[in-house]
Amino acid sequence: MIPPLPMRIDPKSKLPLALLALLLAICLITGWAPPAGRKNWALEVVPGLLLVAWMVATHKRWRLSNLVYGGTFAHMLVLIYGGYYTYANTPLGNWARSAFHLARNHYDRVGHFALGFFPALFVREVLLKKTPLQPGGWLAFLVWSVVFMVGAFWELIEWWTTLIVAGDVGQAFLGSQGDVWDAQWDMLLVGVGAAVSLLTLSGAHQRSMQRAL
């Protein structure tokens, strides 16, 4: 009897598989006993994991570019770090507050910039593959608009979650730290992040999409 041939892994799938394995390991380690508590960790990290789960489920029939997979992995690291400590208590943000004499921990600003920067490439790829849009001004405008809308809607989610999950966990998820303009700053940084991503990475993203074909 001839033994079955070993299953070959598509070389193009190696990077996404490696990133997925590393991400799952990081989630297991950080989600076991985070200083901020598992509920806060889940609130911050699970929404991103849902997108990762969709990418895994559709990988074979709808492969994305490595740049999008890498960007999603980097974005998840930002979310996990914030969920592990809470955005208001991240060591990196506390260091920056002391070193630059800031009034608050600004890591949540980094998180909202990332919410614009990394998803912009994902939205760009979806629109290019699922609509007649071509690279150019209209594509960039629509990508920016979708990402900004998601960032604005996320502010509503933070508000609703804080109303439902009362106490310290709800306040930690909101992360306003007493800033009355926190929501406006967050939405602005989502828009800035998306714009920077489109201005700096659109060419690289186009090349990465071509290599994924």
N, C-alpha and C. Protein backbone atom coordinates (compact mmCIF):
# COMPACT_ATOMS: atom_id res chain seq x y z
N MET A 1 0.86 -1.20 0.00
CA MET A 1 0.00 0.00 0.00
C MET A 1 0.89 1.24 0.00
N ILE A 2 0.63 2.14 -0.91
CA ILE A 2 1.44 3.36 -1.01
C ILE A 2 1.00 4.35 0.07
N PRO A 3 1.92 4.82 0.92
CA PRO A 3 1.54 5.77 1.98
C PRO A 3 1.11 7.09 1.36
N PRO A 4 0.17 7.77 2.00
CA PRO A 4 -0.29 9.06 1.47
C PRO A 4 0.83 10.08 1.49
N LEU A 5 0.85 10.91 0.50
CA LEU A 5 1.84 11.97 0.43
C LEU A 5 1.56 13.01 1.51
N PRO A 6 2.61 13.57 2.11
CA PRO A 6 2.38 14.60 3.12
C PRO A 6 1.73 15.83 2.50
N MET A 7 0.82 16.44 3.26
CA MET A 7 0.12 17.61 2.76
C MET A 7 1.09 18.78 2.65
N ARG A 8 1.11 19.42 1.50
CA ARG A 8 2.00 20.56 1.28
C ARG A 8 1.31 21.85 1.70
N ILE A 9 2.05 22.70 2.31
CA ILE A 9 1.54 24.00 2.71
C ILE A 9 1.94 25.03 1.67
N ASP A 10 0.98 25.77 1.20
CA ASP A 10 1.25 26.82 0.22
C ASP A 10 2.25 27.80 0.82
N PRO A 11 3.39 28.04 0.12
CA PRO A 11 4.39 28.98 0.66
C PRO A 11 3.80 30.35 0.98
N LYS A 12 2.77 30.75 0.23
CA LYS A 12 2.15 32.05 0.49
C LYS A 12 1.42 32.07 1.81
N SER A 13 1.08 30.89 2.37
CA SER A 13 0.33 30.82 3.61
C SER A 13 1.22 30.76 4.85
N LYS A 14 2.52 30.64 4.65
CA LYS A 14 3.40 30.45 5.80
C LYS A 14 3.38 31.65 6.73
N LEU A 15 3.46 32.86 6.20
CA LEU A 15 3.46 34.04 7.06
C LEU A 15 2.16 34.18 7.84
N PRO A 16 0.98 34.11 7.19
CA PRO A 16 -0.25 34.20 7.97
C PRO A 16 -0.36 33.12 9.04
N LEU A 17 0.05 31.90 8.73
CA LEU A 17 -0.02 30.81 9.71
C LEU A 17 0.92 31.07 10.88
N ALA A 18 2.12 31.57 10.58
CA ALA A 18 3.08 31.86 11.65
C ALA A 18 2.56 32.99 12.54
N LEU A 19 2.01 34.03 11.92
CA LEU A 19 1.46 35.14 12.70
C LEU A 19 0.28 34.69 13.55
N LEU A 20 -0.56 33.81 13.00
CA LEU A 20 -1.70 33.30 13.76
C LEU A 20 -1.25 32.49 14.96
N ALA A 21 -0.28 31.62 14.76
CA ALA A 21 0.23 30.81 15.87
C ALA A 21 0.83 31.69 16.96
N LEU A 22 1.61 32.69 16.56
CA LEU A 22 2.22 33.59 17.54
C LEU A 22 1.16 34.39 18.27
N LEU A 23 0.15 34.86 17.53
CA LEU A 23 -0.93 35.64 18.16
C LEU A 23 -1.68 34.81 19.19
N LEU A 24 -2.00 33.56 18.85
CA LEU A 24 -2.72 32.71 19.79
C LEU A 24 -1.89 32.46 21.05
N ALA A 25 -0.58 32.28 20.88
CA ALA A 25 0.29 32.07 22.04
C ALA A 25 0.29 33.32 22.93
N ILE A 26 0.38 34.50 22.32
CA ILE A 26 0.37 35.75 23.08
C ILE A 26 -0.96 35.92 23.81
N CYS A 27 -2.06 35.58 23.14
CA CYS A 27 -3.37 35.70 23.78
C CYS A 27 -3.50 34.77 24.99
N LEU A 28 -3.00 33.55 24.85
CA LEU A 28 -3.06 32.61 25.97
C LEU A 28 -2.25 33.10 27.16
N ILE A 29 -1.08 33.65 26.88
CA ILE A 29 -0.21 34.12 27.96
C ILE A 29 -0.79 35.35 28.64
N THR A 30 -1.22 36.32 27.84
CA THR A 30 -1.69 37.59 28.42
C THR A 30 -3.11 37.48 28.99
N GLY A 31 -3.91 36.57 28.45
CA GLY A 31 -5.29 36.45 28.92
C GLY A 31 -5.47 35.58 30.13
N TRP A 32 -4.40 34.90 30.56
CA TRP A 32 -4.51 33.97 31.68
C TRP A 32 -4.77 34.71 32.99
N ALA A 33 -3.96 35.70 33.31
CA ALA A 33 -4.15 36.45 34.55
C ALA A 33 -3.69 37.89 34.36
N PRO A 34 -4.35 38.66 33.51
CA PRO A 34 -3.92 40.04 33.27
C PRO A 34 -4.13 40.92 34.50
N PRO A 35 -3.24 41.87 34.76
CA PRO A 35 -3.41 42.76 35.91
C PRO A 35 -4.74 43.52 35.89
N ALA A 36 -5.23 43.82 34.69
CA ALA A 36 -6.49 44.57 34.57
C ALA A 36 -7.72 43.69 34.72
N GLY A 37 -7.52 42.36 34.79
CA GLY A 37 -8.65 41.44 34.89
C GLY A 37 -9.05 40.90 33.54
N ARG A 38 -9.60 39.70 33.53
CA ARG A 38 -9.97 39.05 32.28
C ARG A 38 -11.12 39.76 31.57
N LYS A 39 -12.03 40.35 32.33
CA LYS A 39 -13.16 41.03 31.68
C LYS A 39 -12.68 42.22 30.86
N ASN A 40 -11.78 43.01 31.42
CA ASN A 40 -11.26 44.15 30.66
C ASN A 40 -10.44 43.66 29.46
N TRP A 41 -9.64 42.62 29.67
CA TRP A 41 -8.86 42.05 28.56
C TRP A 41 -9.78 41.63 27.43
N ALA A 42 -10.87 40.95 27.78
CA ALA A 42 -11.80 40.46 26.76
C ALA A 42 -12.47 41.62 26.03
N LEU A 43 -12.87 42.66 26.75
CA LEU A 43 -13.52 43.80 26.12
C LEU A 43 -12.63 44.45 25.08
N GLU A 44 -11.35 44.52 25.37
CA GLU A 44 -10.42 45.19 24.46
C GLU A 44 -9.95 44.30 23.31
N VAL A 45 -9.81 42.99 23.58
CA VAL A 45 -9.14 42.10 22.63
C VAL A 45 -10.11 41.30 21.76
N VAL A 46 -11.22 40.88 22.31
CA VAL A 46 -12.13 39.99 21.58
C VAL A 46 -12.65 40.61 20.27
N PRO A 47 -13.00 41.91 20.22
CA PRO A 47 -13.42 42.46 18.92
C PRO A 47 -12.39 42.25 17.82
N GLY A 48 -11.12 42.43 18.14
CA GLY A 48 -10.08 42.18 17.15
C GLY A 48 -9.97 40.72 16.80
N LEU A 49 -10.15 39.84 17.79
CA LEU A 49 -10.07 38.40 17.52
C LEU A 49 -11.21 37.93 16.62
N LEU A 50 -12.35 38.61 16.67
CA LEU A 50 -13.46 38.25 15.78
C LEU A 50 -13.06 38.49 14.32
N LEU A 51 -12.35 39.59 14.07
CA LEU A 51 -11.87 39.85 12.71
C LEU A 51 -10.85 38.79 12.30
N VAL A 52 -9.96 38.43 13.22
CA VAL A 52 -8.97 37.38 12.94
C VAL A 52 -9.68 36.06 12.62
N ALA A 53 -10.72 35.74 13.37
CA ALA A 53 -11.47 34.51 13.13
C ALA A 53 -12.09 34.51 11.74
N TRP A 54 -12.60 35.68 11.32
CA TRP A 54 -13.15 35.78 9.95
C TRP A 54 -12.07 35.57 8.91
N MET A 55 -10.89 36.14 9.15
CA MET A 55 -9.78 35.95 8.21
C MET A 55 -9.38 34.49 8.10
N VAL A 56 -9.38 33.78 9.22
CA VAL A 56 -9.04 32.35 9.21
C VAL A 56 -10.09 31.56 8.44
N ALA A 57 -11.37 31.88 8.70
CA ALA A 57 -12.46 31.13 8.07
C ALA A 57 -12.50 31.32 6.56
N THR A 58 -12.06 32.48 6.08
CA THR A 58 -12.14 32.77 4.64
C THR A 58 -10.79 32.69 3.94
N HIS A 59 -9.77 32.23 4.64
CA HIS A 59 -8.41 32.29 4.10
C HIS A 59 -8.25 31.51 2.79
N LYS A 60 -8.82 30.33 2.71
CA LYS A 60 -8.59 29.48 1.53
C LYS A 60 -9.25 30.05 0.28
N ARG A 61 -10.44 30.59 0.42
CA ARG A 61 -11.16 31.07 -0.77
C ARG A 61 -11.00 32.57 -1.01
N TRP A 62 -10.47 33.28 0.00
CA TRP A 62 -10.37 34.73 -0.16
C TRP A 62 -9.13 35.22 0.57
N ARG A 63 -7.96 34.92 0.00
CA ARG A 63 -6.71 35.24 0.66
C ARG A 63 -6.43 36.73 0.57
N LEU A 64 -6.01 37.30 1.70
CA LEU A 64 -5.64 38.71 1.74
C LEU A 64 -4.13 38.84 1.56
N SER A 65 -3.67 40.06 1.40
CA SER A 65 -2.24 40.30 1.22
C SER A 65 -1.49 40.13 2.54
N ASN A 66 -0.22 39.81 2.45
CA ASN A 66 0.60 39.67 3.65
C ASN A 66 0.70 40.98 4.42
N LEU A 67 0.63 42.11 3.71
CA LEU A 67 0.70 43.39 4.40
C LEU A 67 -0.51 43.58 5.32
N VAL A 68 -1.68 43.14 4.86
CA VAL A 68 -2.87 43.23 5.70
C VAL A 68 -2.78 42.27 6.88
N TYR A 69 -2.30 41.06 6.63
CA TYR A 69 -2.14 40.11 7.74
C TYR A 69 -1.13 40.64 8.76
N GLY A 70 -0.03 41.19 8.27
CA GLY A 70 0.97 41.74 9.19
C GLY A 70 0.44 42.93 9.95
N GLY A 71 -0.31 43.80 9.26
CA GLY A 71 -0.90 44.96 9.93
C GLY A 71 -1.92 44.56 10.97
N THR A 72 -2.72 43.54 10.67
CA THR A 72 -3.70 43.06 11.64
C THR A 72 -3.00 42.50 12.88
N PHE A 73 -1.91 41.78 12.67
CA PHE A 73 -1.14 41.24 13.80
C PHE A 73 -0.59 42.39 14.66
N ALA A 74 -0.02 43.41 14.02
CA ALA A 74 0.51 44.56 14.77
C ALA A 74 -0.60 45.27 15.54
N HIS A 75 -1.76 45.41 14.90
CA HIS A 75 -2.90 46.06 15.58
C HIS A 75 -3.34 45.25 16.79
N MET A 76 -3.33 43.92 16.65
CA MET A 76 -3.72 43.08 17.78
C MET A 76 -2.75 43.24 18.95
N LEU A 77 -1.47 43.44 18.67
CA LEU A 77 -0.50 43.67 19.75
C LEU A 77 -0.84 44.96 20.51
N VAL A 78 -1.25 45.99 19.77
CA VAL A 78 -1.65 47.24 20.42
C VAL A 78 -2.85 47.01 21.33
N LEU A 79 -3.84 46.25 20.82
CA LEU A 79 -5.04 45.98 21.61
C LEU A 79 -4.72 45.12 22.84
N ILE A 80 -3.89 44.11 22.66
CA ILE A 80 -3.56 43.21 23.77
C ILE A 80 -2.81 43.96 24.87
N TYR A 81 -1.89 44.82 24.48
CA TYR A 81 -1.13 45.58 25.48
C TYR A 81 -2.07 46.48 26.29
N GLY A 82 -3.02 47.13 25.59
CA GLY A 82 -3.98 47.97 26.30
C GLY A 82 -4.94 47.16 27.16
N GLY A 83 -5.34 45.98 26.65
CA GLY A 83 -6.25 45.15 27.42
C GLY A 83 -5.59 44.50 28.62
N TYR A 84 -4.30 44.26 28.53
CA TYR A 84 -3.57 43.61 29.61
C TYR A 84 -3.44 44.53 30.83
N TYR A 85 -3.16 45.80 30.58
CA TYR A 85 -2.94 46.74 31.68
C TYR A 85 -4.09 47.72 31.89
N THR A 86 -4.98 47.88 30.94
CA THR A 86 -5.92 48.98 30.70
C THR A 86 -5.13 50.11 30.06
N TYR A 87 -5.79 50.84 29.18
CA TYR A 87 -5.12 51.88 28.41
C TYR A 87 -4.60 52.99 29.30
N ALA A 88 -5.27 53.24 30.42
CA ALA A 88 -4.85 54.33 31.30
C ALA A 88 -3.67 53.96 32.18
N ASN A 89 -3.30 52.66 32.22
CA ASN A 89 -2.24 52.22 33.13
C ASN A 89 -1.11 51.47 32.43
N THR A 90 -0.98 51.61 31.13
CA THR A 90 0.12 50.93 30.44
C THR A 90 1.47 51.50 30.88
N PRO A 91 2.45 50.66 31.14
CA PRO A 91 3.77 51.15 31.55
C PRO A 91 4.39 52.10 30.53
N LEU A 92 4.21 51.81 29.24
CA LEU A 92 4.77 52.68 28.22
C LEU A 92 4.14 54.06 28.28
N GLY A 93 2.83 54.12 28.45
CA GLY A 93 2.16 55.41 28.56
C GLY A 93 2.54 56.15 29.83
N ASN A 94 2.70 55.42 30.93
CA ASN A 94 3.12 56.06 32.18
C ASN A 94 4.54 56.61 32.08
N TRP A 95 5.41 55.86 31.38
CA TRP A 95 6.77 56.37 31.18
C TRP A 95 6.75 57.65 30.37
N ALA A 96 5.97 57.68 29.29
CA ALA A 96 5.90 58.88 28.45
C ALA A 96 5.31 60.06 29.24
N ARG A 97 4.34 59.79 30.10
CA ARG A 97 3.75 60.86 30.91
C ARG A 97 4.79 61.48 31.83
N SER A 98 5.62 60.63 32.44
CA SER A 98 6.66 61.15 33.34
C SER A 98 7.80 61.81 32.58
N ALA A 99 8.22 61.17 31.47
CA ALA A 99 9.37 61.68 30.74
C ALA A 99 9.08 63.01 30.06
N PHE A 100 7.85 63.19 29.57
CA PHE A 100 7.51 64.41 28.82
C PHE A 100 6.57 65.32 29.59
N HIS A 101 6.36 65.01 30.89
CA HIS A 101 5.54 65.86 31.77
C HIS A 101 4.14 66.07 31.19
N LEU A 102 3.51 64.96 30.79
CA LEU A 102 2.17 65.02 30.23
C LEU A 102 1.13 64.97 31.35
N ALA A 103 -0.06 65.40 31.04
CA ALA A 103 -1.12 65.45 32.04
C ALA A 103 -1.79 64.10 32.25
N ARG A 104 -1.63 63.16 31.30
CA ARG A 104 -2.32 61.87 31.38
C ARG A 104 -1.53 60.82 30.61
N ASN A 105 -1.96 59.58 30.78
CA ASN A 105 -1.41 58.48 30.00
C ASN A 105 -2.06 58.52 28.62
N HIS A 106 -1.25 58.69 27.59
CA HIS A 106 -1.79 58.87 26.23
C HIS A 106 -1.76 57.60 25.39
N TYR A 107 -1.62 56.44 26.01
CA TYR A 107 -1.59 55.22 25.20
C TYR A 107 -2.89 55.00 24.45
N ASP A 108 -4.01 55.47 25.01
CA ASP A 108 -5.28 55.30 24.29
C ASP A 108 -5.27 56.09 22.99
N ARG A 109 -4.49 57.20 22.94
CA ARG A 109 -4.36 57.93 21.68
C ARG A 109 -3.64 57.06 20.64
N VAL A 110 -2.62 56.34 21.10
CA VAL A 110 -1.92 55.42 20.21
C VAL A 110 -2.89 54.35 19.70
N GLY A 111 -3.74 53.85 20.60
CA GLY A 111 -4.71 52.84 20.21
C GLY A 111 -5.68 53.32 19.15
N HIS A 112 -6.14 54.56 19.25
CA HIS A 112 -7.09 55.06 18.27
C HIS A 112 -6.39 55.44 16.96
N PHE A 113 -5.15 55.87 17.02
CA PHE A 113 -4.39 56.07 15.78
C PHE A 113 -4.26 54.74 15.05
N ALA A 114 -3.95 53.68 15.81
CA ALA A 114 -3.83 52.34 15.22
C ALA A 114 -5.16 51.87 14.65
N LEU A 115 -6.27 52.26 15.28
CA LEU A 115 -7.60 51.88 14.79
C LEU A 115 -7.87 52.48 13.42
N GLY A 116 -7.21 53.58 13.09
CA GLY A 116 -7.32 54.13 11.75
C GLY A 116 -6.24 53.60 10.82
N PHE A 117 -5.02 53.47 11.32
CA PHE A 117 -3.87 53.15 10.48
C PHE A 117 -3.94 51.74 9.89
N PHE A 118 -4.15 50.73 10.72
CA PHE A 118 -4.09 49.35 10.23
C PHE A 118 -5.36 48.91 9.49
N PRO A 119 -6.56 49.18 10.00
CA PRO A 119 -7.76 48.76 9.26
C PRO A 119 -7.92 49.44 7.90
N ALA A 120 -7.27 50.58 7.69
CA ALA A 120 -7.40 51.26 6.39
C ALA A 120 -6.95 50.35 5.26
N LEU A 121 -5.90 49.58 5.46
CA LEU A 121 -5.42 48.67 4.41
C LEU A 121 -6.40 47.53 4.19
N PHE A 122 -6.99 47.02 5.26
CA PHE A 122 -7.99 45.96 5.14
C PHE A 122 -9.20 46.46 4.35
N VAL A 123 -9.70 47.64 4.70
CA VAL A 123 -10.86 48.20 3.99
C VAL A 123 -10.50 48.47 2.53
N ARG A 124 -9.30 48.97 2.30
CA ARG A 124 -8.86 49.23 0.92
C ARG A 124 -8.87 47.95 0.09
N GLU A 125 -8.39 46.87 0.68
CA GLU A 125 -8.33 45.61 -0.06
C GLU A 125 -9.72 45.05 -0.33
N VAL A 126 -10.60 45.16 0.64
CA VAL A 126 -11.97 44.69 0.45
C VAL A 126 -12.64 45.46 -0.68
N LEU A 127 -12.50 46.78 -0.69
CA LEU A 127 -13.14 47.58 -1.73
C LEU A 127 -12.55 47.29 -3.11
N LEU A 128 -11.24 47.07 -3.17
CA LEU A 128 -10.62 46.77 -4.46
C LEU A 128 -11.07 45.41 -5.00
N LYS A 129 -11.29 44.45 -4.10
CA LYS A 129 -11.63 43.10 -4.55
C LYS A 129 -13.13 42.89 -4.75
N LYS A 130 -13.96 43.67 -4.06
CA LYS A 130 -15.39 43.43 -4.08
C LYS A 130 -16.20 44.51 -4.78
N THR A 131 -15.55 45.56 -5.27
CA THR A 131 -16.26 46.63 -5.96
C THR A 131 -15.49 46.98 -7.24
N PRO A 132 -16.09 47.76 -8.14
CA PRO A 132 -15.39 48.17 -9.36
C PRO A 132 -14.36 49.28 -9.13
N LEU A 133 -14.20 49.72 -7.90
CA LEU A 133 -13.28 50.82 -7.62
C LEU A 133 -11.85 50.48 -8.02
N GLN A 134 -11.13 51.49 -8.47
CA GLN A 134 -9.72 51.36 -8.83
C GLN A 134 -8.89 52.30 -7.96
N PRO A 135 -7.58 52.04 -7.82
CA PRO A 135 -6.73 52.94 -7.04
C PRO A 135 -6.86 54.38 -7.53
N GLY A 136 -6.99 55.30 -6.61
CA GLY A 136 -7.14 56.70 -6.96
C GLY A 136 -7.82 57.47 -5.85
N GLY A 137 -8.22 58.68 -6.17
CA GLY A 137 -8.78 59.58 -5.17
C GLY A 137 -10.08 59.10 -4.56
N TRP A 138 -11.00 58.57 -5.40
CA TRP A 138 -12.28 58.12 -4.86
C TRP A 138 -12.10 56.92 -3.94
N LEU A 139 -11.22 56.02 -4.30
CA LEU A 139 -10.96 54.87 -3.42
C LEU A 139 -10.43 55.35 -2.08
N ALA A 140 -9.44 56.24 -2.10
CA ALA A 140 -8.85 56.74 -0.86
C ALA A 140 -9.90 57.44 0.00
N PHE A 141 -10.75 58.25 -0.64
CA PHE A 141 -11.79 58.96 0.10
C PHE A 141 -12.77 58.00 0.75
N LEU A 142 -13.20 56.97 0.02
CA LEU A 142 -14.17 56.02 0.57
C LEU A 142 -13.55 55.16 1.67
N VAL A 143 -12.29 54.77 1.48
CA VAL A 143 -11.61 54.02 2.54
C VAL A 143 -11.54 54.86 3.80
N TRP A 144 -11.11 56.11 3.65
CA TRP A 144 -10.99 56.99 4.82
C TRP A 144 -12.35 57.16 5.49
N SER A 145 -13.41 57.32 4.69
CA SER A 145 -14.75 57.54 5.24
C SER A 145 -15.23 56.33 6.03
N VAL A 146 -14.98 55.12 5.49
CA VAL A 146 -15.41 53.89 6.18
C VAL A 146 -14.66 53.74 7.50
N VAL A 147 -13.36 53.96 7.46
CA VAL A 147 -12.56 53.80 8.68
C VAL A 147 -12.96 54.84 9.73
N PHE A 148 -13.17 56.07 9.29
CA PHE A 148 -13.58 57.11 10.24
C PHE A 148 -14.95 56.79 10.83
N MET A 149 -15.86 56.25 10.01
CA MET A 149 -17.18 55.86 10.52
C MET A 149 -17.05 54.78 11.59
N VAL A 150 -16.17 53.78 11.33
CA VAL A 150 -15.96 52.73 12.32
C VAL A 150 -15.40 53.31 13.61
N GLY A 151 -14.44 54.26 13.48
CA GLY A 151 -13.88 54.89 14.67
C GLY A 151 -14.91 55.67 15.46
N ALA A 152 -15.80 56.38 14.75
CA ALA A 152 -16.85 57.13 15.44
C ALA A 152 -17.84 56.18 16.11
N PHE A 153 -18.18 55.08 15.42
CA PHE A 153 -19.10 54.11 16.00
C PHE A 153 -18.49 53.43 17.22
N TRP A 154 -17.17 53.26 17.19
CA TRP A 154 -16.50 52.66 18.35
C TRP A 154 -16.67 53.53 19.60
N GLU A 155 -16.73 54.84 19.42
CA GLU A 155 -16.98 55.72 20.56
C GLU A 155 -18.36 55.46 21.16
N LEU A 156 -19.34 55.18 20.30
CA LEU A 156 -20.67 54.83 20.81
C LEU A 156 -20.63 53.50 21.55
N ILE A 157 -19.86 52.55 21.02
CA ILE A 157 -19.73 51.24 21.70
C ILE A 157 -19.11 51.43 23.07
N GLU A 158 -18.08 52.27 23.17
CA GLU A 158 -17.46 52.54 24.47
C GLU A 158 -18.49 53.14 25.43
N TRP A 159 -19.30 54.05 24.95
CA TRP A 159 -20.32 54.68 25.79
C TRP A 159 -21.33 53.66 26.26
N TRP A 160 -21.87 52.85 25.32
CA TRP A 160 -22.87 51.84 25.69
C TRP A 160 -22.29 50.80 26.64
N THR A 161 -21.05 50.39 26.39
CA THR A 161 -20.42 49.39 27.27
C THR A 161 -20.26 49.94 28.67
N THR A 162 -19.89 51.21 28.79
CA THR A 162 -19.71 51.82 30.10
C THR A 162 -21.04 51.89 30.85
N LEU A 163 -22.14 52.10 30.13
CA LEU A 163 -23.45 52.11 30.78
C LEU A 163 -23.86 50.73 31.26
N ILE A 164 -23.49 49.70 30.49
CA ILE A 164 -23.88 48.33 30.84
C ILE A 164 -22.93 47.73 31.87
N VAL A 165 -21.63 47.88 31.63
CA VAL A 165 -20.62 47.33 32.54
C VAL A 165 -20.17 48.45 33.47
N ALA A 166 -20.88 48.61 34.55
CA ALA A 166 -20.60 49.72 35.47
C ALA A 166 -19.34 49.44 36.27
N GLY A 167 -18.91 50.46 37.01
CA GLY A 167 -17.77 50.30 37.91
C GLY A 167 -16.44 50.55 37.22
N ASP A 168 -15.38 50.02 37.83
CA ASP A 168 -14.02 50.28 37.35
C ASP A 168 -13.78 49.70 35.96
N VAL A 169 -14.36 48.54 35.66
CA VAL A 169 -14.14 47.92 34.36
C VAL A 169 -14.71 48.78 33.25
N GLY A 170 -15.93 49.29 33.46
CA GLY A 170 -16.54 50.16 32.47
C GLY A 170 -15.76 51.43 32.26
N GLN A 171 -15.30 52.03 33.35
CA GLN A 171 -14.51 53.26 33.24
C GLN A 171 -13.16 53.00 32.57
N ALA A 172 -12.56 51.85 32.86
CA ALA A 172 -11.28 51.51 32.24
C ALA A 172 -11.45 51.31 30.73
N PHE A 173 -12.58 50.71 30.34
CA PHE A 173 -12.83 50.51 28.91
C PHE A 173 -13.07 51.84 28.21
N LEU A 174 -13.77 52.76 28.88
CA LEU A 174 -14.01 54.08 28.30
C LEU A 174 -12.70 54.84 28.16
N GLY A 175 -11.87 54.82 29.21
CA GLY A 175 -10.52 55.36 29.13
C GLY A 175 -10.42 56.86 28.95
N SER A 176 -11.42 57.62 29.36
CA SER A 176 -11.38 59.07 29.13
C SER A 176 -10.43 59.79 30.07
N GLN A 177 -10.16 59.22 31.23
CA GLN A 177 -9.24 59.79 32.22
C GLN A 177 -9.60 61.25 32.55
N GLY A 178 -10.88 61.55 32.58
CA GLY A 178 -11.33 62.88 32.95
C GLY A 178 -11.28 63.91 31.84
N ASP A 179 -10.89 63.53 30.64
CA ASP A 179 -10.79 64.46 29.52
C ASP A 179 -12.16 64.60 28.86
N VAL A 180 -12.76 65.79 28.92
CA VAL A 180 -14.10 66.00 28.37
C VAL A 180 -14.10 65.92 26.85
N TRP A 181 -12.92 66.08 26.22
CA TRP A 181 -12.81 66.02 24.76
C TRP A 181 -12.23 64.69 24.30
N ASP A 182 -12.28 63.68 25.15
CA ASP A 182 -11.65 62.40 24.81
C ASP A 182 -12.23 61.79 23.54
N ALA A 183 -13.55 61.77 23.41
CA ALA A 183 -14.18 61.17 22.23
C ALA A 183 -13.77 61.90 20.96
N GLN A 184 -13.71 63.22 21.04
CA GLN A 184 -13.31 64.00 19.85
C GLN A 184 -11.86 63.73 19.46
N TRP A 185 -10.98 63.67 20.46
CA TRP A 185 -9.58 63.36 20.19
C TRP A 185 -9.46 61.97 19.56
N ASP A 186 -10.22 61.01 20.10
CA ASP A 186 -10.14 59.65 19.59
C ASP A 186 -10.56 59.58 18.12
N MET A 187 -11.66 60.24 17.78
CA MET A 187 -12.13 60.21 16.39
C MET A 187 -11.14 60.92 15.47
N LEU A 188 -10.58 62.03 15.94
CA LEU A 188 -9.59 62.74 15.14
C LEU A 188 -8.39 61.85 14.83
N LEU A 189 -7.92 61.12 15.83
CA LEU A 189 -6.73 60.29 15.63
C LEU A 189 -7.02 59.08 14.74
N VAL A 190 -8.24 58.56 14.78
CA VAL A 190 -8.61 57.51 13.84
C VAL A 190 -8.50 58.04 12.41
N GLY A 191 -9.04 59.25 12.18
CA GLY A 191 -8.95 59.85 10.85
C GLY A 191 -7.52 60.13 10.43
N VAL A 192 -6.71 60.61 11.35
CA VAL A 192 -5.30 60.88 11.04
C VAL A 192 -4.58 59.57 10.73
N GLY A 193 -4.83 58.54 11.52
CA GLY A 193 -4.19 57.25 11.28
C GLY A 193 -4.52 56.68 9.91
N ALA A 194 -5.81 56.77 9.53
CA ALA A 194 -6.21 56.27 8.22
C ALA A 194 -5.55 57.06 7.10
N ALA A 195 -5.50 58.37 7.25
CA ALA A 195 -4.89 59.22 6.22
C ALA A 195 -3.40 58.92 6.07
N VAL A 196 -2.69 58.77 7.19
CA VAL A 196 -1.26 58.47 7.14
C VAL A 196 -1.03 57.12 6.47
N SER A 197 -1.85 56.13 6.80
CA SER A 197 -1.72 54.81 6.21
C SER A 197 -1.90 54.86 4.69
N LEU A 198 -2.92 55.55 4.24
CA LEU A 198 -3.19 55.63 2.80
C LEU A 198 -2.09 56.40 2.07
N LEU A 199 -1.58 57.44 2.70
CA LEU A 199 -0.54 58.25 2.05
C LEU A 199 0.80 57.52 1.96
N THR A 200 1.10 56.68 2.94
CA THR A 200 2.43 56.08 3.01
C THR A 200 2.48 54.63 2.53
N LEU A 201 1.37 53.90 2.59
CA LEU A 201 1.43 52.46 2.34
C LEU A 201 0.61 51.98 1.15
N SER A 202 -0.09 52.87 0.45
CA SER A 202 -0.93 52.42 -0.66
C SER A 202 -0.11 51.71 -1.74
N GLY A 203 1.05 52.24 -2.08
CA GLY A 203 1.89 51.60 -3.08
C GLY A 203 2.37 50.24 -2.64
N ALA A 204 2.86 50.15 -1.41
CA ALA A 204 3.32 48.87 -0.87
C ALA A 204 2.17 47.88 -0.79
N HIS A 205 1.00 48.37 -0.43
CA HIS A 205 -0.17 47.51 -0.35
C HIS A 205 -0.53 46.95 -1.72
N GLN A 206 -0.45 47.78 -2.75
CA GLN A 206 -0.76 47.31 -4.11
C GLN A 206 0.21 46.20 -4.53
N ARG A 207 1.48 46.36 -4.21
CA ARG A 207 2.47 45.34 -4.56
C ARG A 207 2.24 44.05 -3.76
N SER A 208 1.87 44.20 -2.49
CA SER A 208 1.62 43.03 -1.67
C SER A 208 0.39 42.27 -2.16
N MET A 209 -0.61 42.98 -2.64
CA MET A 209 -1.78 42.33 -3.20
C MET A 209 -1.42 41.53 -4.46
N GLN A 210 -0.55 42.08 -5.29
CA GLN A 210 -0.13 41.39 -6.51
C GLN A 210 0.62 40.09 -6.18
N ARG A 211 1.43 40.12 -5.13
CA ARG A 211 2.20 38.91 -4.77
C ARG A 211 1.29 37.84 -4.18
N ALA A 212 0.12 38.26 -3.66
CA ALA A 212 -0.78 37.29 -3.05
C ALA A 212 -1.62 36.54 -4.08
N LEU A 213 -1.61 36.99 -5.32
CA LEU A 213 -2.42 36.36 -6.36
C LEU A 213 -1.88 34.97 -6.72
